[in-house]
Protein backbone atom coordinates (compact mmCIF):
# COMPACT_ATOMS: atom_id res chain seq x y z
CA MET A 1 0.00 0.00 0.00
CA ASN A 2 1.07 3.56 -0.57
CA ASN A 3 0.98 6.11 2.27
CA ARG A 4 -2.49 7.39 1.39
CA GLN A 5 -3.95 3.90 1.29
CA GLU A 6 -2.25 3.02 4.57
CA MET A 7 -3.72 6.14 6.12
CA TYR A 8 -7.27 5.05 5.20
CA VAL A 9 -6.73 1.45 6.29
CA ASN A 10 -5.37 2.58 9.66
CA MET A 11 -8.54 4.61 10.08
CA PHE A 12 -10.60 1.53 9.19
CA ARG A 13 -8.74 -0.44 11.87
CA ASP A 14 -9.29 2.27 14.49
CA THR A 15 -12.99 2.38 13.64
CA ALA A 16 -13.32 -1.40 13.84
CA SER A 17 -11.49 -1.41 17.16
CA PHE A 18 -13.89 1.21 18.49
CA GLY A 19 -16.86 -0.84 17.32
CA ASP A 20 -15.57 -4.03 18.93
CA SER A 21 -14.95 -2.22 22.21
CA HIS A 22 -18.51 -0.86 22.39
CA ALA A 23 -20.42 -3.63 20.60
CA ASN A 24 -22.62 -4.43 23.59
CA THR A 25 -23.88 -0.85 23.75
CA LEU A 26 -24.18 -0.23 20.01
CA ASN A 27 -25.39 -3.58 18.61
CA PRO A 28 -29.04 -2.77 19.43
CA TYR A 29 -28.93 0.08 16.89
CA PRO A 30 -30.15 -0.92 13.40
CA PHE A 31 -27.45 -2.42 11.15
CA PHE A 32 -24.56 -1.53 13.48
CA GLU A 33 -23.45 -5.15 13.84
CA GLU A 34 -23.82 -5.85 10.11
CA HIS A 35 -21.76 -2.82 9.08
CA LEU A 36 -19.12 -3.56 11.71
CA ASN A 37 -18.79 -7.14 10.48
CA GLU A 38 -18.54 -5.89 6.92
CA LEU A 39 -15.80 -3.46 7.95
CA THR A 40 -13.84 -6.24 9.66
CA THR A 41 -14.20 -8.50 6.63
CA ASN A 42 -13.06 -5.74 4.27
CA ILE A 43 -10.00 -5.00 6.40
CA THR A 44 -9.01 -8.67 6.25
CA GLN A 45 -9.43 -8.71 2.47
CA ILE A 46 -7.50 -5.46 2.07
CA GLU A 47 -4.61 -6.90 4.09
CA LYS A 48 -4.65 -10.02 1.92
CA LEU A 49 -4.58 -7.95 -1.27
CA ASP A 50 -1.74 -5.87 0.17
CA GLN A 51 0.31 -9.03 0.71
CA GLU A 52 -0.41 -10.17 -2.84
CA SER A 53 0.60 -6.78 -4.23
CA SER A 54 3.94 -7.02 -2.46
CA ILE A 55 5.18 -9.71 -4.82
CA ASP A 56 8.85 -10.36 -4.24
CA ILE A 57 10.49 -10.25 -7.65
CA THR A 58 13.95 -10.79 -6.15
CA GLY A 59 13.32 -14.55 -6.19
CA ILE A 60 12.55 -14.36 -9.91
CA ALA A 61 15.72 -12.33 -10.47
CA ALA A 62 17.79 -14.93 -8.61
CA ASP A 63 16.32 -17.74 -10.72
CA LYS A 64 17.07 -15.77 -13.87
CA GLU A 65 20.70 -15.16 -12.89
CA ARG A 66 21.26 -18.82 -12.03
CA LEU A 67 19.60 -20.03 -15.23
CA GLU A 68 21.52 -17.51 -17.28
CA ASP A 69 24.84 -18.89 -16.03
CA GLU A 70 23.76 -22.51 -16.56
CA LEU A 71 22.34 -21.82 -20.02
CA ALA A 72 25.43 -19.89 -21.16
CA ALA A 73 27.75 -22.65 -19.94
CA ALA A 74 25.69 -25.37 -21.63
CA ALA A 75 25.49 -23.41 -24.89
CA VAL A 76 29.24 -22.67 -24.98
CA GLY A 77 30.03 -26.33 -24.33
CA ALA A 78 27.69 -27.42 -27.11
CA ILE A 79 29.08 -24.89 -29.58
CA SER A 80 32.63 -26.22 -29.18
CA ARG A 81 31.48 -29.78 -29.88
CA LEU A 82 29.30 -28.82 -32.81
CA LYS A 83 32.08 -26.78 -34.38
CA MET A 84 34.42 -29.77 -34.24
CA LEU A 85 31.73 -31.99 -35.75
CA TYR A 86 30.93 -29.57 -38.58
CA LYS A 87 34.63 -29.12 -39.35
CA LYS A 88 34.96 -32.88 -39.62
CA GLU A 89 31.89 -33.00 -41.87
CA GLN A 90 33.15 -29.94 -43.79
CA ASN A 91 29.73 -28.37 -43.36
CA GLN A 92 30.54 -24.68 -43.44
CA GLN A 93 26.91 -23.56 -43.50
CA LYS A 94 26.06 -25.30 -40.25
CA PHE A 95 29.36 -24.13 -38.76
CA ASN A 96 28.50 -20.53 -39.55
CA GLU A 97 25.00 -20.86 -38.07
CA ILE A 98 26.41 -21.62 -34.60
CA ASP A 99 29.67 -19.68 -34.87
CA PHE A 100 29.19 -17.71 -31.66
CA THR A 101 32.12 -16.79 -29.44
CA ARG A 102 31.96 -17.22 -25.67
CA SER A 103 31.51 -13.45 -25.37
CA GLN A 104 28.60 -13.54 -27.84
CA ILE A 105 26.85 -15.96 -25.50
CA GLU A 106 27.84 -14.73 -22.04
CA HIS A 107 27.75 -10.96 -22.58
CA VAL A 108 24.64 -10.27 -24.62
CA PRO A 109 21.09 -9.05 -23.83
CA ASP A 110 18.66 -11.59 -22.37
CA ASN A 111 16.62 -12.12 -25.53
CA THR A 112 19.77 -12.49 -27.64
CA LEU A 113 21.08 -15.19 -25.31
CA MET A 114 17.74 -16.99 -25.47
CA THR A 115 17.65 -16.83 -29.29
CA ARG A 116 21.23 -18.02 -29.74
CA ALA A 117 20.85 -20.77 -27.16
CA ALA A 118 17.73 -21.97 -29.00
CA ILE A 119 19.66 -22.10 -32.27
CA VAL A 120 22.44 -24.11 -30.67
CA SER A 121 19.87 -26.36 -29.00
CA ASP A 122 18.22 -27.13 -32.35
CA HIS A 123 21.59 -28.00 -33.87
CA LEU A 124 22.51 -30.17 -30.93
CA GLU A 125 19.22 -32.04 -31.10
CA ALA A 126 19.53 -32.56 -34.86
CA SER A 127 23.12 -33.84 -34.51
CA ASN A 128 22.41 -36.07 -31.52
CA GLY A 129 24.28 -39.38 -31.89
CA ALA A 130 26.24 -38.19 -34.93
CA ASP A 131 29.56 -39.11 -33.35
CA PRO A 132 29.89 -40.09 -29.68
CA MET A 133 33.51 -38.97 -29.51
CA TYR A 134 32.40 -35.32 -29.63
CA GLY A 135 30.14 -35.68 -26.63
CA ILE A 136 27.03 -34.81 -28.61
CA THR A 137 24.73 -36.96 -26.54
CA GLU A 138 21.01 -37.23 -26.01
CA GLU A 139 21.49 -36.09 -22.41
CA ARG A 140 23.41 -32.96 -23.44
CA ALA A 141 20.78 -32.09 -26.05
CA ALA A 142 17.94 -32.59 -23.56
CA THR A 143 19.69 -30.45 -20.92
CA LEU A 144 20.23 -27.52 -23.26
CA LYS A 145 16.66 -27.72 -24.55
CA THR A 146 15.30 -27.76 -21.00
CA LEU A 147 17.46 -24.83 -19.89
CA THR A 148 16.42 -22.81 -22.95
CA GLY A 149 12.74 -23.40 -22.16
CA GLN A 150 13.19 -22.53 -18.50
CA TYR A 151 15.05 -19.34 -19.39
CA ARG A 152 12.31 -18.32 -21.81
CA THR A 153 9.76 -18.78 -19.01
CA VAL A 154 11.73 -16.86 -16.40
CA LEU A 155 12.20 -13.93 -18.77
CA ARG A 156 8.42 -13.56 -18.90
CA SER A 157 7.96 -13.94 -15.14
CA PRO A 158 8.85 -10.38 -14.02
CA GLN A 159 6.46 -8.88 -16.57
CA GLU A 160 3.70 -11.25 -15.48
CA ALA A 161 4.38 -10.49 -11.82
CA ILE A 162 4.25 -6.74 -12.45
CA LYS A 163 1.02 -7.14 -14.44
CA ALA A 164 -0.55 -9.22 -11.68
CA ARG A 165 0.53 -6.69 -9.07
CA LYS A 166 -1.06 -3.88 -11.09
CA TYR A 167 -4.44 -5.62 -11.12
CA THR A 168 -4.14 -6.48 -7.41
CA ASN A 169 -3.44 -2.84 -6.57
CA GLU A 170 -6.50 -1.81 -8.54
CA ASP A 171 -8.62 -4.30 -6.56
CA LEU A 172 -7.13 -3.02 -3.31
CA GLN A 173 -7.93 0.61 -4.10
CA GLY A 174 -11.42 -0.37 -5.23
CA LEU A 175 -12.10 -2.12 -1.93
CA ILE A 176 -10.79 0.86 0.05
CA ASP A 177 -13.12 3.17 -1.90
CA LEU A 178 -16.07 0.81 -1.41
CA THR A 179 -15.41 0.53 2.34
CA LEU A 180 -15.18 4.27 2.73
CA LYS A 181 -18.37 4.97 0.78
CA GLU A 182 -20.75 2.12 1.61
CA THR A 183 -19.52 0.65 4.90
CA LEU A 184 -18.68 3.92 6.61
CA LYS A 185 -20.28 6.99 5.02
CA GLU A 186 -23.55 5.24 4.10
CA GLY A 187 -23.37 2.75 6.95
CA LEU A 188 -21.71 3.19 10.34
CA ASP A 189 -21.67 6.98 10.12
CA LEU A 190 -25.46 7.07 9.83
CA VAL A 191 -25.91 4.52 12.61
CA MET A 192 -23.65 6.53 14.91
CA GLU A 193 -25.54 9.75 14.14
CA ILE A 194 -28.65 8.01 15.49
CA ALA A 195 -26.74 6.66 18.50
CA ALA A 196 -25.32 10.13 19.22
CA GLU A 197 -28.60 11.22 20.85
CA ASP A 198 -28.26 8.53 23.52
CA HIS A 199 -24.47 8.32 23.69
CA PRO A 200 -22.81 11.64 22.84
CA ASP A 201 -19.51 10.55 24.41
CA LEU A 202 -19.39 7.43 22.27
CA TYR A 203 -20.16 9.48 19.19
CA ARG A 204 -17.18 11.75 19.92
CA GLN A 205 -14.98 8.68 20.33
CA TYR A 206 -16.28 7.36 17.03
CA THR A 207 -15.50 10.57 15.18
CA ASP A 208 -12.00 10.52 16.70
CA ALA A 209 -11.52 6.97 15.40
CA ARG A 210 -12.75 8.10 11.96
CA LYS A 211 -10.11 10.79 11.65
CA LEU A 212 -7.31 10.28 9.19
CA SER A 213 -3.82 10.39 10.66
CA LYS A 214 -0.63 10.63 8.66
CA VAL A 215 1.34 7.41 8.39
């Protein structure tokens, strides 16, 4: 939550605390208990949405960094073996297609690494079993293909997390607005105005609880 949202939610909590403290006195008034329960429920939901909006992307970043290192290492290892194979086969076209230096794999933008690793992966899969002495094995091909797929997924994860957080924040703000308008202004405030005739001191306490305080 931002500071403004936190300010409103703190006021909701203070109001709910007031209501719980004086429930025995105020429950007889029409709809007091219903609006108080609604307020408590909304606070719980707001807190849940706040937790969801605080998605920790650092875990995604750590996965990306680890996968990046593993993918680069696997791709570089495969390139060396494929180059030797293509030299033996005198297949210059295939050699040129995977003629990436270590730097062109390890020190390139994310999407470039993914694209080049996918190219190498396709070559490795197509050449699987061509000559065991070069270490072009089914296991190596499967590993590189898996790492390429995992890296493609993790590249999308931060964007998906940010998108999800945006929608969660919108839901959170919507629930704050709804609580303020329907639960308080059109609910408890009206009940307490009726109760004020019998309990002026409680009404003053209620209005104090309803005040916004800076976070």
